[in-house]
């Protein structure tokens, strides 16, 4: 669950939240986090996502120095990242913030791209991003 505080005197809902909601409502892929619901209550916006227990950054930091990820798991993560990215690009979406903290994983080795707040939908002619 992602909570966004809304300052009613200011500009309202942050543009990054609107972008993320708009993009995630229109795409569905096994390697992209699912947005289930959006709730506005008590001047807060709640984005309800599917549950994945770790982000890749925290997971990698939790591994003891004397252990390593297996080569097959690394290949699987890279492959899943490329599948999700290729799907986004096929839908004319540029994520623009791919990093380990925005890659969610579970205990079964599933990887999903998250945090589309900086994403952009592009068209031709392409503006420089």
Protein backbone atom coordinates (compact mmCIF):
# COMPACT_ATOMS: atom_id res chain seq x y z
CA UNK A 1 0.00 0.00 0.00
CA UNK A 2 1.40 3.38 -1.00
CA UNK A 3 0.06 6.41 0.86
CA UNK A 4 0.13 9.87 -0.74
CA UNK A 5 -0.79 12.89 1.37
CA UNK A 6 -2.88 15.42 -0.51
CA UNK A 7 -2.44 19.09 0.32
CA UNK A 8 -5.80 20.56 -0.67
CA UNK A 9 -4.53 24.17 -0.55
CA UNK A 10 -1.70 23.27 -2.94
CA UNK A 11 -2.01 21.67 -6.35
CA UNK A 12 -3.96 18.58 -5.30
CA UNK A 13 -2.85 15.09 -6.31
CA UNK A 14 0.86 15.02 -7.26
CA UNK A 15 1.45 14.58 -10.98
CA UNK A 16 3.72 11.60 -10.32
CA UNK A 17 0.84 9.78 -8.59
CA UNK A 18 -1.57 10.61 -11.42
CA UNK A 19 0.97 9.33 -13.97
CA UNK A 20 1.53 6.12 -12.04
CA UNK A 21 -2.20 5.44 -11.66
CA UNK A 22 -2.92 6.22 -15.30
CA UNK A 23 -0.15 3.98 -16.62
CA UNK A 24 -0.73 1.04 -14.28
CA UNK A 25 -4.50 0.99 -14.91
CA UNK A 26 -3.79 0.44 -18.63
CA UNK A 27 -1.09 -2.24 -18.54
CA UNK A 28 -1.05 -5.84 -17.39
CA UNK A 29 2.04 -8.04 -17.48
CA UNK A 30 3.49 -10.79 -15.31
CA UNK A 31 6.61 -8.69 -14.62
CA UNK A 32 4.88 -5.41 -13.77
CA UNK A 33 3.31 -4.81 -10.37
CA UNK A 34 -0.51 -4.87 -10.35
CA UNK A 35 -2.41 -1.85 -9.08
CA UNK A 36 -5.62 -3.22 -7.59
CA UNK A 37 -7.36 -0.12 -6.31
CA UNK A 38 -7.10 3.60 -5.62
CA UNK A 39 -8.84 5.02 -2.56
CA UNK A 40 -9.17 8.67 -1.55
CA UNK A 41 -9.99 9.17 2.13
CA UNK A 42 -9.12 11.79 4.77
CA UNK A 43 -7.00 13.87 2.36
CA UNK A 44 -4.89 10.83 1.55
CA UNK A 45 -4.62 8.80 -1.60
CA UNK A 46 -4.05 5.09 -1.07
CA UNK A 47 -2.70 2.98 -3.91
CA UNK A 48 -3.35 -0.72 -3.31
CA UNK A 49 -0.81 -2.98 -5.02
CA UNK A 50 -0.27 -6.71 -5.05
CA UNK A 51 2.02 -7.89 -2.26
CA UNK A 52 5.62 -8.77 -2.99
CA UNK A 53 7.74 -9.14 0.11
CA UNK A 54 11.06 -7.62 -0.95
CA UNK A 55 12.60 -5.05 -3.20
CA UNK A 56 15.80 -6.20 -4.88
CA UNK A 57 17.96 -3.59 -3.12
CA UNK A 58 16.97 -4.69 0.39
CA UNK A 59 17.18 -8.34 -0.61
CA UNK A 60 20.74 -7.95 -1.92
CA UNK A 61 21.76 -6.04 1.21
CA UNK A 62 20.39 -8.83 3.40
CA UNK A 63 22.58 -11.51 1.84
CA UNK A 64 25.65 -12.29 3.99
CA UNK A 65 29.00 -11.41 2.41
CA UNK A 66 30.04 -15.05 2.23
CA UNK A 67 26.99 -16.01 0.12
CA UNK A 68 26.17 -15.17 -3.48
CA UNK A 69 23.12 -15.33 -5.70
CA UNK A 70 23.17 -18.28 -8.04
CA UNK A 71 23.93 -17.59 -11.67
CA UNK A 72 20.57 -19.07 -12.67
CA UNK A 73 18.69 -16.69 -10.32
CA UNK A 74 20.61 -13.69 -11.66
CA UNK A 75 19.77 -14.77 -15.23
CA UNK A 76 16.14 -15.19 -14.28
CA UNK A 77 15.95 -11.70 -12.73
CA UNK A 78 17.60 -10.12 -15.78
CA UNK A 79 15.30 -12.01 -18.15
CA UNK A 80 12.19 -10.96 -16.21
CA UNK A 81 13.39 -7.34 -16.11
CA UNK A 82 13.90 -7.40 -19.88
CA UNK A 83 10.45 -8.94 -20.44
CA UNK A 84 8.76 -6.25 -18.35
CA UNK A 85 10.78 -3.47 -19.97
CA UNK A 86 10.06 -4.76 -23.49
CA UNK A 87 6.34 -4.87 -22.68
CA UNK A 88 6.44 -1.26 -21.44
CA UNK A 89 8.25 -0.17 -24.59
CA UNK A 90 5.71 -2.01 -26.75
CA UNK A 91 3.04 0.10 -25.03
CA UNK A 92 5.14 3.25 -25.62
CA UNK A 93 6.00 3.64 -21.92
CA UNK A 94 9.46 4.66 -20.68
CA UNK A 95 9.97 3.84 -16.98
CA UNK A 96 12.92 6.24 -16.42
CA UNK A 97 13.68 5.04 -12.86
CA UNK A 98 14.78 1.42 -13.09
CA UNK A 99 16.90 0.60 -10.06
CA UNK A 100 17.01 -2.26 -7.52
CA UNK A 101 14.68 -0.43 -5.08
CA UNK A 102 11.97 -0.35 -7.80
CA UNK A 103 12.23 -4.05 -8.62
CA UNK A 104 10.03 -6.15 -6.36
CA UNK A 105 10.62 -9.87 -5.83
CA UNK A 106 9.06 -12.76 -3.97
CA UNK A 107 10.34 -16.03 -2.53
CA UNK A 108 9.53 -17.90 -5.75
CA UNK A 109 11.98 -15.82 -7.82
CA UNK A 110 9.33 -13.65 -9.47
CA UNK A 111 10.46 -10.11 -10.31
CA UNK A 112 8.11 -7.19 -11.01
CA UNK A 113 8.83 -3.63 -12.04
CA UNK A 114 7.28 -1.04 -9.72
CA UNK A 115 7.12 2.74 -9.14
CA UNK A 116 5.97 4.31 -12.38
CA UNK A 117 5.89 7.83 -10.91
CA UNK A 118 8.60 9.08 -13.28
CA UNK A 119 7.38 7.07 -16.28
CA UNK A 120 6.33 8.75 -19.50
CA UNK A 121 4.19 7.68 -22.41
CA UNK A 122 5.98 8.65 -25.59
CA UNK A 123 4.84 9.22 -29.14
CA UNK A 124 6.39 10.22 -32.44
CA UNK A 125 8.07 12.65 -32.75
CA UNK A 126 9.89 11.76 -29.56
CA UNK A 127 10.84 14.62 -27.26
CA UNK A 128 14.22 14.15 -25.55
CA UNK A 129 13.86 12.47 -22.14
